[in-house]
Amino acid sequence: MSDASLRHDLREFALELRKLAYTMPGGHEDPLISLSERMGRRAQEEGRFVCSTERVSERALFDSAV
């Protein structure tokens, strides 16, 4: 499974958890919504990290070839 696929799955799970949270009796959804937000942020952060490390790796390959 690729990193992009794992990030996509994590975002989808976060969304599913959020939807489930809104079916909880009043007041009990907050911890689930919080977890959903953390999952979404983590997936987004990983996406930025992977993209930036890929750019660094590409630049290193270019520099070593020159």
PDB file of N, CA and C in Angstrom:
ATOM      1  N   MET A   1       0.837  -1.172   0.000  1.00  0.00           N
ATOM      2  CA  MET A   1       0.000   0.000   0.000  1.00  0.00           C
ATOM      3  C   MET A   1       0.887   1.242   0.000  1.00  0.00           C
ATOM      4  N   SER A   2       0.568   2.192  -0.836  1.00  0.00           N
ATOM      5  CA  SER A   2       1.391   3.398  -0.935  1.00  0.00           C
ATOM      6  C   SER A   2       1.053   4.391   0.172  1.00  0.00           C
ATOM      7  N   ASP A   3       1.953   5.352   0.384  1.00  0.00           N
ATOM      8  CA  ASP A   3       1.720   6.399   1.386  1.00  0.00           C
ATOM      9  C   ASP A   3       0.466   7.194   1.043  1.00  0.00           C
ATOM     10  N   ALA A   4       0.294   7.511  -0.239  1.00  0.00           N
ATOM     11  CA  ALA A   4      -0.881   8.280  -0.656  1.00  0.00           C
ATOM     12  C   ALA A   4      -2.162   7.511  -0.349  1.00  0.00           C
ATOM     13  N   SER A   5      -2.138   6.224  -0.556  1.00  0.00           N
ATOM     14  CA  SER A   5      -3.302   5.390  -0.288  1.00  0.00           C
ATOM     15  C   SER A   5      -3.607   5.357   1.211  1.00  0.00           C
ATOM     16  N   LEU A   6      -2.572   5.255   2.022  1.00  0.00           N
ATOM     17  CA  LEU A   6      -2.761   5.253   3.476  1.00  0.00           C
ATOM     18  C   LEU A   6      -3.313   6.593   3.964  1.00  0.00           C
ATOM     19  N   ARG A   7      -2.798   7.700   3.414  1.00  0.00           N
ATOM     20  CA  ARG A   7      -3.313   9.020   3.787  1.00  0.00           C
ATOM     21  C   ARG A   7      -4.776   9.159   3.392  1.00  0.00           C
ATOM     22  N   HIS A   8      -5.110   8.681   2.197  1.00  0.00           N
ATOM     23  CA  HIS A   8      -6.498   8.735   1.729  1.00  0.00           C
ATOM     24  C   HIS A   8      -7.394   7.935   2.670  1.00  0.00           C
ATOM     25  N   ASP A   9      -6.969   6.734   3.019  1.00  0.00           N
ATOM     26  CA  ASP A   9      -7.755   5.894   3.929  1.00  0.00           C
ATOM     27  C   ASP A   9      -7.930   6.582   5.281  1.00  0.00           C
ATOM     28  N   LEU A  10      -6.873   7.189   5.803  1.00  0.00           N
ATOM     29  CA  LEU A  10      -6.954   7.863   7.097  1.00  0.00           C
ATOM     30  C   LEU A  10      -7.963   9.011   7.038  1.00  0.00           C
ATOM     31  N   ARG A  11      -7.939   9.781   5.944  1.00  0.00           N
ATOM     32  CA  ARG A  11      -8.917  10.866   5.786  1.00  0.00           C
ATOM     33  C   ARG A  11     -10.340  10.311   5.720  1.00  0.00           C
ATOM     34  N   GLU A  12     -10.516   9.213   4.989  1.00  0.00           N
ATOM     35  CA  GLU A  12     -11.844   8.598   4.876  1.00  0.00           C
ATOM     36  C   GLU A  12     -12.326   8.069   6.229  1.00  0.00           C
ATOM     37  N   PHE A  13     -11.432   7.439   6.993  1.00  0.00           N
ATOM     38  CA  PHE A  13     -11.794   6.935   8.317  1.00  0.00           C
ATOM     39  C   PHE A  13     -12.169   8.095   9.242  1.00  0.00           C
ATOM     40  N   ALA A  14     -11.425   9.191   9.144  1.00  0.00           N
ATOM     41  CA  ALA A  14     -11.723  10.366   9.972  1.00  0.00           C
ATOM     42  C   ALA A  14     -13.113  10.903   9.652  1.00  0.00           C
ATOM     43  N   LEU A  15     -13.455  10.953   8.375  1.00  0.00           N
ATOM     44  CA  LEU A  15     -14.772  11.426   7.966  1.00  0.00           C
ATOM     45  C   LEU A  15     -15.870  10.478   8.453  1.00  0.00           C
ATOM     46  N   GLU A  16     -15.629   9.193   8.322  1.00  0.00           N
ATOM     47  CA  GLU A  16     -16.590   8.197   8.788  1.00  0.00           C
ATOM     48  C   GLU A  16     -16.792   8.295  10.304  1.00  0.00           C
ATOM     49  N   LEU A  17     -15.701   8.502  11.034  1.00  0.00           N
ATOM     50  CA  LEU A  17     -15.782   8.649  12.487  1.00  0.00           C
ATOM     51  C   LEU A  17     -16.587   9.886  12.856  1.00  0.00           C
ATOM     52  N   ARG A  18     -16.375  10.969  12.137  1.00  0.00           N
ATOM     53  CA  ARG A  18     -17.115  12.205  12.401  1.00  0.00           C
ATOM     54  C   ARG A  18     -18.616  11.985  12.184  1.00  0.00           C
ATOM     55  N   LYS A  19     -18.957  11.314  11.093  1.00  0.00           N
ATOM     56  CA  LYS A  19     -20.374  11.029  10.832  1.00  0.00           C
ATOM     57  C   LYS A  19     -20.967  10.168  11.941  1.00  0.00           C
ATOM     58  N   LEU A  20     -20.211   9.178  12.382  1.00  0.00           N
ATOM     59  CA  LEU A  20     -20.665   8.316  13.469  1.00  0.00           C
ATOM     60  C   LEU A  20     -20.836   9.111  14.765  1.00  0.00           C
ATOM     61  N   ALA A  21     -19.925  10.045  15.007  1.00  0.00           N
ATOM     62  CA  ALA A  21     -19.974  10.847  16.232  1.00  0.00           C
ATOM     63  C   ALA A  21     -21.288  11.609  16.336  1.00  0.00           C
ATOM     64  N   TYR A  22     -21.787  12.095  15.201  1.00  0.00           N
ATOM     65  CA  TYR A  22     -23.020  12.878  15.237  1.00  0.00           C
ATOM     66  C   TYR A  22     -24.253  12.026  15.506  1.00  0.00           C
ATOM     67  N   THR A  23     -24.112  10.706  15.544  1.00  0.00           N
ATOM     68  CA  THR A  23     -25.236   9.834  15.898  1.00  0.00           C
ATOM     69  C   THR A  23     -25.243   9.524  17.400  1.00  0.00           C
ATOM     70  N   MET A  24     -24.212   9.966  18.111  1.00  0.00           N
ATOM     71  CA  MET A  24     -24.102   9.699  19.550  1.00  0.00           C
ATOM     72  C   MET A  24     -25.095  10.577  20.328  1.00  0.00           C
ATOM     73  N   PRO A  25     -25.528  10.092  21.499  1.00  0.00           N
ATOM     74  CA  PRO A  25     -26.405  10.922  22.332  1.00  0.00           C
ATOM     75  C   PRO A  25     -25.700  12.218  22.730  1.00  0.00           C
ATOM     76  N   GLY A  26     -26.466  13.255  22.951  1.00  0.00           N
ATOM     77  CA  GLY A  26     -25.950  14.592  23.241  1.00  0.00           C
ATOM     78  C   GLY A  26     -24.766  14.652  24.180  1.00  0.00           C
ATOM     79  N   GLY A  27     -23.725  15.349  23.739  1.00  0.00           N
ATOM     80  CA  GLY A  27     -22.557  15.576  24.571  1.00  0.00           C
ATOM     81  C   GLY A  27     -21.472  14.526  24.482  1.00  0.00           C
ATOM     82  N   HIS A  28     -21.789  13.351  23.977  1.00  0.00           N
ATOM     83  CA  HIS A  28     -20.803  12.270  23.928  1.00  0.00           C
ATOM     84  C   HIS A  28     -20.013  12.249  22.619  1.00  0.00           C
ATOM     85  N   GLU A  29     -20.384  13.122  21.696  1.00  0.00           N
ATOM     86  CA  GLU A  29     -19.701  13.110  20.403  1.00  0.00           C
ATOM     87  C   GLU A  29     -18.378  13.869  20.412  1.00  0.00           C
ATOM     88  N   ASP A  30     -18.170  14.751  21.379  1.00  0.00           N
ATOM     89  CA  ASP A  30     -16.976  15.606  21.381  1.00  0.00           C
ATOM     90  C   ASP A  30     -15.652  14.840  21.294  1.00  0.00           C
ATOM     91  N   PRO A  31     -15.428  13.790  22.086  1.00  0.00           N
ATOM     92  CA  PRO A  31     -14.151  13.073  21.978  1.00  0.00           C
ATOM     93  C   PRO A  31     -13.954  12.438  20.589  1.00  0.00           C
ATOM     94  N   LEU A  32     -15.037  11.966  19.980  1.00  0.00           N
ATOM     95  CA  LEU A  32     -14.919  11.358  18.652  1.00  0.00           C
ATOM     96  C   LEU A  32     -14.637  12.406  17.583  1.00  0.00           C
ATOM     97  N   ILE A  33     -15.260  13.555  17.701  1.00  0.00           N
ATOM     98  CA  ILE A  33     -15.007  14.636  16.747  1.00  0.00           C
ATOM     99  C   ILE A  33     -13.564  15.107  16.880  1.00  0.00           C
ATOM    100  N   SER A  34     -13.098  15.220  18.117  1.00  0.00           N
ATOM    101  CA  SER A  34     -11.710  15.609  18.352  1.00  0.00           C
ATOM    102  C   SER A  34     -10.740  14.610  17.708  1.00  0.00           C
ATOM    103  N   LEU A  35     -11.011  13.332  17.896  1.00  0.00           N
ATOM    104  CA  LEU A  35     -10.165  12.298  17.289  1.00  0.00           C
ATOM    105  C   LEU A  35     -10.215  12.376  15.773  1.00  0.00           C
ATOM    106  N   SER A  36     -11.396  12.599  15.229  1.00  0.00           N
ATOM    107  CA  SER A  36     -11.552  12.728  13.782  1.00  0.00           C
ATOM    108  C   SER A  36     -10.707  13.889  13.241  1.00  0.00           C
ATOM    109  N   GLU A  37     -10.740  15.015  13.949  1.00  0.00           N
ATOM    110  CA  GLU A  37      -9.949  16.177  13.532  1.00  0.00           C
ATOM    111  C   GLU A  37      -8.460  15.874  13.587  1.00  0.00           C
ATOM    112  N   ARG A  38      -8.021  15.191  14.644  1.00  0.00           N
ATOM    113  CA  ARG A  38      -6.602  14.825  14.758  1.00  0.00           C
ATOM    114  C   ARG A  38      -6.180  13.903  13.614  1.00  0.00           C
ATOM    115  N   MET A  39      -7.043  12.944  13.287  1.00  0.00           N
ATOM    116  CA  MET A  39      -6.731  12.020  12.191  1.00  0.00           C
ATOM    117  C   MET A  39      -6.598  12.775  10.868  1.00  0.00           C
ATOM    118  N   GLY A  40      -7.535  13.679  10.615  1.00  0.00           N
ATOM    119  CA  GLY A  40      -7.498  14.458   9.383  1.00  0.00           C
ATOM    120  C   GLY A  40      -6.260  15.326   9.286  1.00  0.00           C
ATOM    121  N   ARG A  41      -5.912  15.986  10.413  1.00  0.00           N
ATOM    122  CA  ARG A  41      -4.704  16.828  10.415  1.00  0.00           C
ATOM    123  C   ARG A  41      -3.452  15.995  10.179  1.00  0.00           C
ATOM    124  N   ARG A  42      -3.395  14.827  10.801  1.00  0.00           N
ATOM    125  CA  ARG A  42      -2.217  13.959  10.658  1.00  0.00           C
ATOM    126  C   ARG A  42      -2.058  13.512   9.209  1.00  0.00           C
ATOM    127  N   ALA A  43      -3.152  13.144   8.580  1.00  0.00           N
ATOM    128  CA  ALA A  43      -3.092  12.732   7.172  1.00  0.00           C
ATOM    129  C   ALA A  43      -2.603  13.885   6.311  1.00  0.00           C
ATOM    130  N   GLN A  44      -3.082  15.086   6.608  1.00  0.00           N
ATOM    131  CA  GLN A  44      -2.672  16.264   5.839  1.00  0.00           C
ATOM    132  C   GLN A  44      -1.201  16.586   6.077  1.00  0.00           C
ATOM    133  N   GLU A  45      -0.757  16.505   7.332  1.00  0.00           N
ATOM    134  CA  GLU A  45       0.646  16.771   7.658  1.00  0.00           C
ATOM    135  C   GLU A  45       1.563  15.768   6.982  1.00  0.00           C
ATOM    136  N   GLU A  46       1.195  14.507   6.992  1.00  0.00           N
ATOM    137  CA  GLU A  46       2.007  13.482   6.343  1.00  0.00           C
ATOM    138  C   GLU A  46       2.122  13.749   4.853  1.00  0.00           C
ATOM    139  N   GLY A  47       1.034  14.210   4.247  1.00  0.00           N
ATOM    140  CA  GLY A  47       1.056  14.527   2.819  1.00  0.00           C
ATOM    141  C   GLY A  47       2.050  15.626   2.514  1.00  0.00           C
ATOM    142  N   ARG A  48       2.061  16.658   3.354  1.00  0.00           N
ATOM    143  CA  ARG A  48       3.028  17.751   3.140  1.00  0.00           C
ATOM    144  C   ARG A  48       4.447  17.266   3.378  1.00  0.00           C
ATOM    145  N   PHE A  49       4.657  16.426   4.406  1.00  0.00           N
ATOM    146  CA  PHE A  49       5.988  15.921   4.728  1.00  0.00           C
ATOM    147  C   PHE A  49       6.516  15.061   3.586  1.00  0.00           C
ATOM    148  N   VAL A  50       5.683  14.172   3.078  1.00  0.00           N
ATOM    149  CA  VAL A  50       6.113  13.289   1.986  1.00  0.00           C
ATOM    150  C   VAL A  50       6.458  14.112   0.761  1.00  0.00           C
ATOM    151  N   CYS A  51       5.630  15.101   0.434  1.00  0.00           N
ATOM    152  CA  CYS A  51       5.900  15.929  -0.737  1.00  0.00           C
ATOM    153  C   CYS A  51       7.213  16.691  -0.579  1.00  0.00           C
ATOM    154  N   SER A  52       7.457  17.232   0.600  1.00  0.00           N
ATOM    155  CA  SER A  52       8.683  18.006   0.792  1.00  0.00           C
ATOM    156  C   SER A  52       9.905  17.100   0.770  1.00  0.00           C
ATOM    157  N   THR A  53       9.837  15.889   1.316  1.00  0.00           N
ATOM    158  CA  THR A  53      10.989  14.992   1.278  1.00  0.00           C
ATOM    159  C   THR A  53      11.223  14.471  -0.129  1.00  0.00           C
ATOM    160  N   GLU A  54      10.157  14.305  -0.907  1.00  0.00           N
ATOM    161  CA  GLU A  54      10.337  13.885  -2.294  1.00  0.00           C
ATOM    162  C   GLU A  54      11.065  14.961  -3.075  1.00  0.00           C
ATOM    163  N   ARG A  55      10.703  16.222  -2.830  1.00  0.00           N
ATOM    164  CA  ARG A  55      11.379  17.318  -3.524  1.00  0.00           C
ATOM    165  C   ARG A  55      12.847  17.383  -3.135  1.00  0.00           C
ATOM    166  N   VAL A  56      13.138  17.184  -1.853  1.00  0.00           N
ATOM    167  CA  VAL A  56      14.525  17.188  -1.387  1.00  0.00           C
ATOM    168  C   VAL A  56      15.286  16.043  -2.057  1.00  0.00           C
ATOM    169  N   SER A  57      14.684  14.871  -2.129  1.00  0.00           N
ATOM    170  CA  SER A  57      15.341  13.719  -2.753  1.00  0.00           C
ATOM    171  C   SER A  57      15.592  13.968  -4.229  1.00  0.00           C
ATOM    172  N   GLU A  58      14.608  14.539  -4.917  1.00  0.00           N
ATOM    173  CA  GLU A  58      14.783  14.848  -6.341  1.00  0.00           C
ATOM    174  C   GLU A  58      15.914  15.851  -6.524  1.00  0.00           C
ATOM    175  N   ARG A  59      15.972  16.859  -5.667  1.00  0.00           N
ATOM    176  CA  ARG A  59      17.023  17.868  -5.768  1.00  0.00           C
ATOM    177  C   ARG A  59      18.399  17.234  -5.520  1.00  0.00           C
ATOM    178  N   ALA A  60      18.491  16.333  -4.546  1.00  0.00           N
ATOM    179  CA  ALA A  60      19.757  15.662  -4.253  1.00  0.00           C
ATOM    180  C   ALA A  60      20.203  14.843  -5.448  1.00  0.00           C
ATOM    181  N   LEU A  61      19.258  14.165  -6.100  1.00  0.00           N
ATOM    182  CA  LEU A  61      19.617  13.380  -7.299  1.00  0.00           C
ATOM    183  C   LEU A  61      20.105  14.300  -8.407  1.00  0.00           C
ATOM    184  N   PHE A  62      19.426  15.432  -8.589  1.00  0.00           N
ATOM    185  CA  PHE A  62      19.827  16.387  -9.623  1.00  0.00           C
ATOM    186  C   PHE A  62      21.222  16.927  -9.333  1.00  0.00           C
ATOM    187  N   ASP A  63      21.445  17.320  -8.067  1.00  0.00           N
ATOM    188  CA  ASP A  63      22.732  17.890  -7.698  1.00  0.00           C
ATOM    189  C   ASP A  63      23.867  16.872  -7.868  1.00  0.00           C
ATOM    190  N   SER A  64      23.612  15.609  -7.569  1.00  0.00           N
ATOM    191  CA  SER A  64      24.667  14.598  -7.698  1.00  0.00           C
ATOM    192  C   SER A  64      24.969  14.271  -9.157  1.00  0.00           C
ATOM    193  N   ALA A  65      23.979  14.517 -10.032  1.00  0.00           N
ATOM    194  CA  ALA A  65      24.171  14.231 -11.452  1.00  0.00           C
ATOM    195  C   ALA A  65      24.941  15.354 -12.147  1.00  0.00           C
ATOM    196  N   VAL A  66      24.904  16.536 -11.576  1.00  0.00           N
ATOM    197  CA  VAL A  66      25.548  17.710 -12.200  1.00  0.00           C
ATOM    198  C   VAL A  66      27.014  17.732 -11.957  1.00  0.00           C
TER     199      VAL A  66
END
